[in-house]
Amino acid sequence: MIWLFIILLVIVLIIAASCIKIVPQSQAYILERLGVYKATWGSGVHFKVPFIERVAKRVNLKEQVVDFAPQPVITKDNVTMRIDTVVFFQITDPRLFTYGIDNPIMAIENLTATTLRNIIGDMELDATLTSREIINTKMRASLDEATDPWGIKVTRVELKNIIPPAAIQEAMEKQMKAERERREAILKAEGEKKSTILVAEGKKESAILDAEAEKQAAILRAEAEKEKMIKEAEGQAEAILKVQQAKADGIRFIKDAGADQSVLTLKSLEAFAQAADGKATKIIIPSEIQGIAGLASSLVEIATNKKEN
């Protein structure tokens, strides 16, 4: 009896332990009673009725990411390409996620492929290659609306790779090469243009500087010549002034010495002789000297008559 009691106690403890459930953080448990939805357990400790209730599904509430294989799509201008997408989603309602759809990941993959074909079908190749952000936004809005009844929220959709056909890739590479060569030619031409402009501006500046230097040099030469002439004129004037001053001093000295009229007349004759040295073109003879000259002529005439007699 004791062993039977122990066995029953162990069985009861095992059953009781199995009825205690600890739900981890960021997870949810779906509880069913006799196959019918009973409740959604959040994180924490929970108890269930043995044999009647069971945990039907464990749901991860973290944001999840699914990378889908490349899907063939056709653009508006009939170019077939392959595009693979990455979808980020999060389960917001564990009950709808459990009972709303059988295989939600496959459903999202198929929905992504059809939505992508619809969007790319309205766009041309060039627009497809340059409008990733527009395509991502449209797909996210469409997928989020379609998955809302399943308790799923699509938070982000990204186009991972856009793979055009080999011929299109080759044509695009040639186009890119031509564009790079065109830009290189434009940059080279602009560089040569700027170089020519800089050289011309340098020559212009050099010519302006040379002309300015020549102008300054001419001004300095003219000023130097002017200063030279002024100095020479001042020197000549000073020399004349000193000569006249010396003559005036000599006359004053003679007057102070008490010289008579004859001495003054003699000095006048000497000055007249200096003035008439042949260099002057016009001579003004004072009246006193003219009288003396007349007297001299009379004396010469009288002397001549005496010799004849």
Protein backbone atom coordinates (compact mmCIF):
# COMPACT_ATOMS: atom_id res chain seq x y z
CA MET A 1 0.00 0.00 0.00
CA ILE A 2 2.79 2.41 0.81
CA TRP A 3 4.46 1.85 -2.55
CA LEU A 4 1.20 2.39 -4.36
CA PHE A 5 0.64 5.62 -2.46
CA ILE A 6 4.13 6.81 -3.35
CA ILE A 7 3.61 6.02 -7.00
CA LEU A 8 0.29 7.88 -7.06
CA LEU A 9 1.92 10.86 -5.33
CA VAL A 10 4.70 10.97 -7.87
CA ILE A 11 2.20 10.81 -10.72
CA VAL A 12 0.18 13.65 -9.18
CA LEU A 13 3.32 15.76 -8.76
CA ILE A 14 4.34 15.15 -12.36
CA ILE A 15 0.90 16.09 -13.62
CA ALA A 16 0.85 19.20 -11.42
CA ALA A 17 4.31 20.23 -12.63
CA SER A 18 3.22 19.82 -16.24
CA CYS A 19 0.31 22.16 -15.58
CA ILE A 20 2.62 24.99 -14.53
CA LYS A 21 3.83 27.01 -17.54
CA ILE A 22 6.35 29.85 -17.57
CA VAL A 23 6.04 32.05 -20.66
CA PRO A 24 9.35 33.79 -21.59
CA GLN A 25 9.64 37.44 -22.51
CA SER A 26 8.64 38.38 -26.12
CA GLN A 27 6.61 35.18 -26.48
CA ALA A 28 2.94 34.24 -26.25
CA TYR A 29 1.19 30.90 -25.71
CA ILE A 30 -2.14 29.99 -27.26
CA LEU A 31 -4.25 27.98 -24.77
CA GLU A 32 -7.00 25.63 -25.95
CA ARG A 33 -9.66 23.83 -23.89
CA LEU A 34 -10.95 20.67 -25.51
CA GLY A 35 -9.68 21.91 -28.90
CA VAL A 36 -11.31 25.36 -28.61
CA TYR A 37 -9.35 28.63 -28.17
CA LYS A 38 -9.38 29.57 -24.48
CA ALA A 39 -6.81 32.37 -23.91
CA THR A 40 -3.51 33.94 -24.91
CA TRP A 41 -0.84 33.80 -22.24
CA GLY A 42 1.70 36.58 -22.01
CA SER A 43 5.09 36.42 -20.27
CA GLY A 44 4.96 35.08 -16.69
CA VAL A 45 3.71 32.01 -14.73
CA HIS A 46 0.44 30.35 -15.77
CA PHE A 47 -1.54 27.25 -14.75
CA LYS A 48 -3.70 25.02 -16.93
CA VAL A 49 -6.21 22.32 -16.19
CA PRO A 50 -4.69 18.91 -16.84
CA PHE A 51 -6.06 16.73 -19.60
CA ILE A 52 -8.58 19.41 -20.62
CA GLU A 53 -6.41 22.40 -21.55
CA ARG A 54 -3.28 22.40 -23.62
CA VAL A 55 -0.80 24.91 -25.13
CA ALA A 56 -1.66 24.80 -28.82
CA LYS A 57 1.08 27.14 -30.15
CA ARG A 58 4.06 29.12 -28.99
CA VAL A 59 4.28 32.45 -30.85
CA ASN A 60 7.43 34.58 -31.14
CA LEU A 61 6.58 38.28 -30.77
CA LYS A 62 10.00 39.59 -31.81
CA GLU A 63 10.47 41.31 -35.15
CA GLN A 64 11.49 38.73 -37.71
CA VAL A 65 13.13 38.88 -41.12
CA VAL A 66 12.63 36.60 -44.11
CA ASP A 67 14.85 36.62 -47.19
CA PHE A 68 12.92 35.38 -50.21
CA ALA A 69 14.51 33.89 -53.32
CA PRO A 70 14.73 36.02 -56.52
CA GLN A 71 11.42 36.34 -58.34
CA PRO A 72 11.14 36.83 -62.14
CA VAL A 73 9.31 40.05 -63.03
CA ILE A 74 8.60 41.87 -66.31
CA THR A 75 8.82 45.65 -66.62
CA LYS A 76 6.48 47.89 -68.59
CA ASP A 77 8.93 47.92 -71.54
CA ASN A 78 9.01 44.08 -71.61
CA VAL A 79 12.35 43.50 -69.90
CA THR A 80 12.51 40.38 -67.73
CA MET A 81 14.60 40.63 -64.59
CA ARG A 82 14.95 38.87 -61.26
CA ILE A 83 14.45 40.61 -57.92
CA ASP A 84 14.89 39.18 -54.45
CA THR A 85 13.29 40.84 -51.46
CA VAL A 86 13.78 40.99 -47.71
CA VAL A 87 10.65 41.36 -45.55
CA PHE A 88 10.66 42.46 -41.90
CA PHE A 89 7.50 41.63 -39.95
CA GLN A 90 6.22 41.29 -36.41
CA ILE A 91 3.30 39.28 -34.95
CA THR A 92 0.89 41.64 -33.25
CA ASP A 93 -2.00 39.23 -32.59
CA PRO A 94 -0.99 35.64 -31.69
CA ARG A 95 -4.60 34.38 -31.94
CA LEU A 96 -5.07 35.62 -35.52
CA PHE A 97 -1.60 34.40 -36.42
CA THR A 98 -2.47 30.92 -35.13
CA TYR A 99 -5.95 30.56 -36.59
CA GLY A 100 -5.97 33.08 -39.44
CA ILE A 101 -3.75 31.25 -41.95
CA ASP A 102 -2.12 27.86 -42.11
CA ASN A 103 1.38 28.80 -43.36
CA PRO A 104 1.92 32.53 -42.89
CA ILE A 105 5.55 32.60 -44.16
CA MET A 106 4.61 30.95 -47.45
CA ALA A 107 1.62 33.27 -47.72
CA ILE A 108 3.88 36.33 -47.25
CA GLU A 109 6.33 35.00 -49.85
CA ASN A 110 3.62 34.49 -52.48
CA LEU A 111 2.01 37.80 -51.64
CA THR A 112 5.38 39.52 -51.99
CA ALA A 113 5.95 37.97 -55.42
CA THR A 114 2.55 38.98 -56.79
CA THR A 115 2.75 42.50 -55.35
CA LEU A 116 6.22 42.96 -56.77
CA ARG A 117 5.06 41.87 -60.24
CA ASN A 118 2.15 44.32 -60.11
CA ILE A 119 4.37 47.24 -59.13
CA ILE A 120 7.22 46.49 -61.56
CA GLY A 121 4.71 45.89 -64.38
CA ASP A 122 3.77 49.58 -64.24
CA MET A 123 7.38 50.81 -64.40
CA GLU A 124 10.01 50.88 -67.10
CA LEU A 125 13.53 49.48 -66.69
CA ASP A 126 15.28 52.76 -65.93
CA ALA A 127 12.63 53.74 -63.40
CA THR A 128 12.88 50.33 -61.75
CA LEU A 129 16.63 50.64 -61.30
CA THR A 130 16.40 54.13 -59.80
CA SER A 131 13.22 53.88 -57.71
CA ARG A 132 14.05 51.38 -54.99
CA GLU A 133 12.64 53.55 -52.22
CA ILE A 134 9.34 54.03 -54.05
CA ILE A 135 9.01 50.29 -54.69
CA ASN A 136 9.85 49.50 -51.06
CA THR A 137 7.20 51.92 -49.78
CA LYS A 138 4.47 50.58 -52.08
CA MET A 139 5.24 46.96 -51.22
CA ARG A 140 5.29 47.61 -47.48
CA ALA A 141 1.91 49.36 -47.60
CA SER A 142 0.36 46.60 -49.74
CA LEU A 143 1.77 43.73 -47.65
CA ASP A 144 0.87 45.37 -44.36
CA GLU A 145 -2.73 45.78 -45.47
CA ALA A 146 -2.95 42.17 -46.75
CA THR A 147 -1.38 40.59 -43.64
CA ASP A 148 -3.36 42.59 -41.09
CA PRO A 149 -6.14 39.90 -40.83
CA TRP A 150 -3.42 37.37 -40.02
CA GLY A 151 -2.18 39.30 -36.98
CA ILE A 152 1.03 40.24 -38.79
CA LYS A 153 2.45 43.74 -39.28
CA VAL A 154 4.96 44.24 -42.07
CA THR A 155 7.40 46.88 -40.79
CA ARG A 156 9.80 47.08 -43.72
CA VAL A 157 10.41 45.72 -47.21
CA GLU A 158 13.74 46.00 -49.04
CA LEU A 159 14.76 45.06 -52.57
CA LYS A 160 17.98 43.17 -51.98
CA ASN A 161 19.13 42.64 -55.58
CA ILE A 162 17.85 43.68 -58.99
CA ILE A 163 19.32 41.36 -61.61
CA PRO A 164 18.61 42.41 -65.22
CA PRO A 165 19.39 40.11 -68.20
CA ALA A 166 23.00 39.72 -69.35
CA ALA A 167 22.38 41.71 -72.54
CA ILE A 168 20.87 44.57 -70.56
CA GLN A 169 23.78 44.49 -68.13
CA GLU A 170 26.27 44.66 -71.00
CA ALA A 171 24.37 47.55 -72.61
CA MET A 172 24.24 49.36 -69.27
CA GLU A 173 27.98 48.88 -68.76
CA LYS A 174 28.67 50.30 -72.23
CA GLN A 175 26.38 53.22 -71.50
CA MET A 176 28.10 53.85 -68.19
CA LYS A 177 31.50 53.66 -69.88
CA ALA A 178 30.40 56.13 -72.55
CA GLU A 179 29.02 58.44 -69.88
CA ARG A 180 32.29 58.28 -67.93
CA GLU A 181 34.27 59.04 -71.08
CA ARG A 182 31.96 61.95 -71.88
CA ARG A 183 32.38 63.36 -68.38
CA GLU A 184 36.13 62.88 -68.63
CA ALA A 185 36.21 64.77 -71.95
CA ILE A 186 34.08 67.57 -70.46
CA LEU A 187 36.33 67.83 -67.41
CA LYS A 188 39.43 67.83 -69.60
CA ALA A 189 37.99 70.56 -71.86
CA GLU A 190 36.99 72.63 -68.84
CA GLY A 191 40.47 72.19 -67.39
CA GLU A 192 42.11 73.33 -70.64
CA LYS A 193 39.70 76.26 -70.84
CA LYS A 194 40.49 77.35 -67.29
CA SER A 195 44.21 76.92 -67.98
CA THR A 196 43.99 79.10 -71.10
CA ILE A 197 42.01 81.73 -69.22
CA LEU A 198 44.52 81.74 -66.39
CA VAL A 199 47.45 82.06 -68.82
CA ALA A 200 45.72 84.94 -70.64
CA GLU A 201 44.91 86.63 -67.35
CA GLY A 202 48.51 86.16 -66.27
CA LYS A 203 49.80 87.77 -69.47
CA LYS A 204 47.30 90.59 -69.06
CA GLU A 205 48.36 91.18 -65.47
CA SER A 206 52.02 91.03 -66.53
CA ALA A 207 51.45 93.59 -69.31
CA ILE A 208 49.56 95.86 -66.91
CA LEU A 209 52.34 95.58 -64.35
CA ASP A 210 55.01 96.25 -67.01
CA ALA A 211 53.13 99.32 -68.26
CA GLU A 212 52.63 100.53 -64.70
CA ALA A 213 56.33 100.01 -63.98
CA GLU A 214 57.31 101.88 -67.18
CA LYS A 215 54.94 104.70 -66.26
CA GLN A 216 56.43 104.96 -62.80
CA ALA A 217 59.93 104.85 -64.25
CA ALA A 218 59.09 107.64 -66.74
CA ILE A 219 57.60 109.72 -63.95
CA LEU A 220 60.67 109.18 -61.81
CA ARG A 221 62.99 110.06 -64.74
CA ALA A 222 60.98 113.22 -65.47
CA GLU A 223 61.03 114.20 -61.81
CA ALA A 224 64.77 113.54 -61.68
CA GLU A 225 65.35 115.65 -64.81
CA LYS A 226 63.17 118.38 -63.36
CA GLU A 227 65.09 118.30 -60.10
CA LYS A 228 68.35 118.42 -62.07
CA MET A 229 67.26 121.45 -64.10
CA ILE A 230 66.00 123.18 -60.98
CA LYS A 231 69.28 122.52 -59.21
CA GLU A 232 71.29 123.74 -62.22
CA ALA A 233 69.16 126.89 -62.54
CA GLU A 234 69.47 127.51 -58.83
CA GLY A 235 73.24 127.00 -59.10
CA GLN A 236 73.54 129.41 -62.05
CA ALA A 237 71.36 131.96 -60.32
CA GLU A 238 73.41 131.63 -57.18
CA ALA A 239 76.63 132.02 -59.20
CA ILE A 240 75.33 135.11 -60.99
CA LEU A 241 74.15 136.51 -57.70
CA LYS A 242 77.56 135.94 -56.14
CA VAL A 243 79.34 137.56 -59.17
CA GLN A 244 77.07 140.56 -59.06
CA GLN A 245 77.48 140.69 -55.32
CA ALA A 246 81.28 140.64 -55.75
CA LYS A 247 81.12 143.42 -58.34
CA ALA A 248 78.87 145.46 -56.11
CA ASP A 249 81.24 144.87 -53.24
CA GLY A 250 84.17 145.99 -55.46
CA ILE A 251 82.41 149.19 -56.50
CA ARG A 252 81.44 149.85 -52.92
CA PHE A 253 85.05 149.30 -51.91
CA ILE A 254 86.24 151.79 -54.55
CA LYS A 255 83.72 154.35 -53.37
CA ASP A 256 84.71 153.79 -49.79
CA ALA A 257 88.38 154.28 -50.83
CA GLY A 258 87.54 157.77 -52.19
CA ALA A 259 88.24 157.07 -55.90
CA ASP A 260 87.58 160.04 -58.28
CA GLN A 261 85.51 160.11 -61.44
CA SER A 262 88.38 159.01 -63.64
CA VAL A 263 88.86 155.78 -61.81
CA LEU A 264 85.15 155.03 -62.06
CA THR A 265 85.26 155.79 -65.75
CA LEU A 266 88.20 153.44 -66.18
CA LYS A 267 86.34 150.67 -64.45
CA SER A 268 83.36 151.30 -66.70
CA LEU A 269 85.64 150.96 -69.70
CA GLU A 270 86.91 147.65 -68.37
CA ALA A 271 83.35 146.39 -67.90
CA PHE A 272 82.53 147.59 -71.39
CA ALA A 273 85.51 145.70 -72.74
CA GLN A 274 84.35 142.54 -71.05
CA ALA A 275 80.84 143.03 -72.41
CA ALA A 276 82.12 143.54 -75.94
CA ASP A 277 84.23 140.38 -76.12
CA GLY A 278 82.38 139.24 -79.22
CA LYS A 279 79.87 136.97 -77.58
CA ALA A 280 77.08 139.55 -77.14
CA THR A 281 74.86 140.35 -80.11
CA LYS A 282 73.62 143.66 -78.74
CA ILE A 283 75.57 146.19 -76.60
CA ILE A 284 74.07 149.09 -74.73
CA ILE A 285 76.72 151.84 -74.20
CA PRO A 286 76.18 154.23 -71.30
CA SER A 287 76.13 157.92 -72.11
CA GLU A 288 79.27 158.59 -70.05
CA ILE A 289 81.22 156.06 -72.10
CA GLN A 290 79.92 157.61 -75.33
CA GLY A 291 81.29 160.99 -74.18
CA ILE A 292 84.64 159.47 -73.41
CA ALA A 293 84.69 157.76 -76.78
CA GLY A 294 83.94 161.10 -78.47
CA LEU A 295 86.74 162.75 -76.53
CA ALA A 296 89.10 160.01 -77.52
CA SER A 297 88.17 160.40 -81.20
CA SER A 298 88.80 164.17 -80.97
CA LEU A 299 92.17 163.58 -79.41
CA VAL A 300 93.08 161.14 -82.16
CA GLU A 301 92.01 163.63 -84.86
CA ILE A 302 94.03 166.49 -83.33
CA ALA A 303 97.10 164.28 -83.11
CA THR A 304 96.71 163.33 -86.78
CA ASN A 305 96.48 166.99 -87.92
CA LYS A 306 99.60 167.87 -86.01
CA LYS A 307 101.54 165.15 -87.77
CA GLU A 308 100.37 166.35 -91.18
CA ASN A 309 101.48 169.94 -90.54
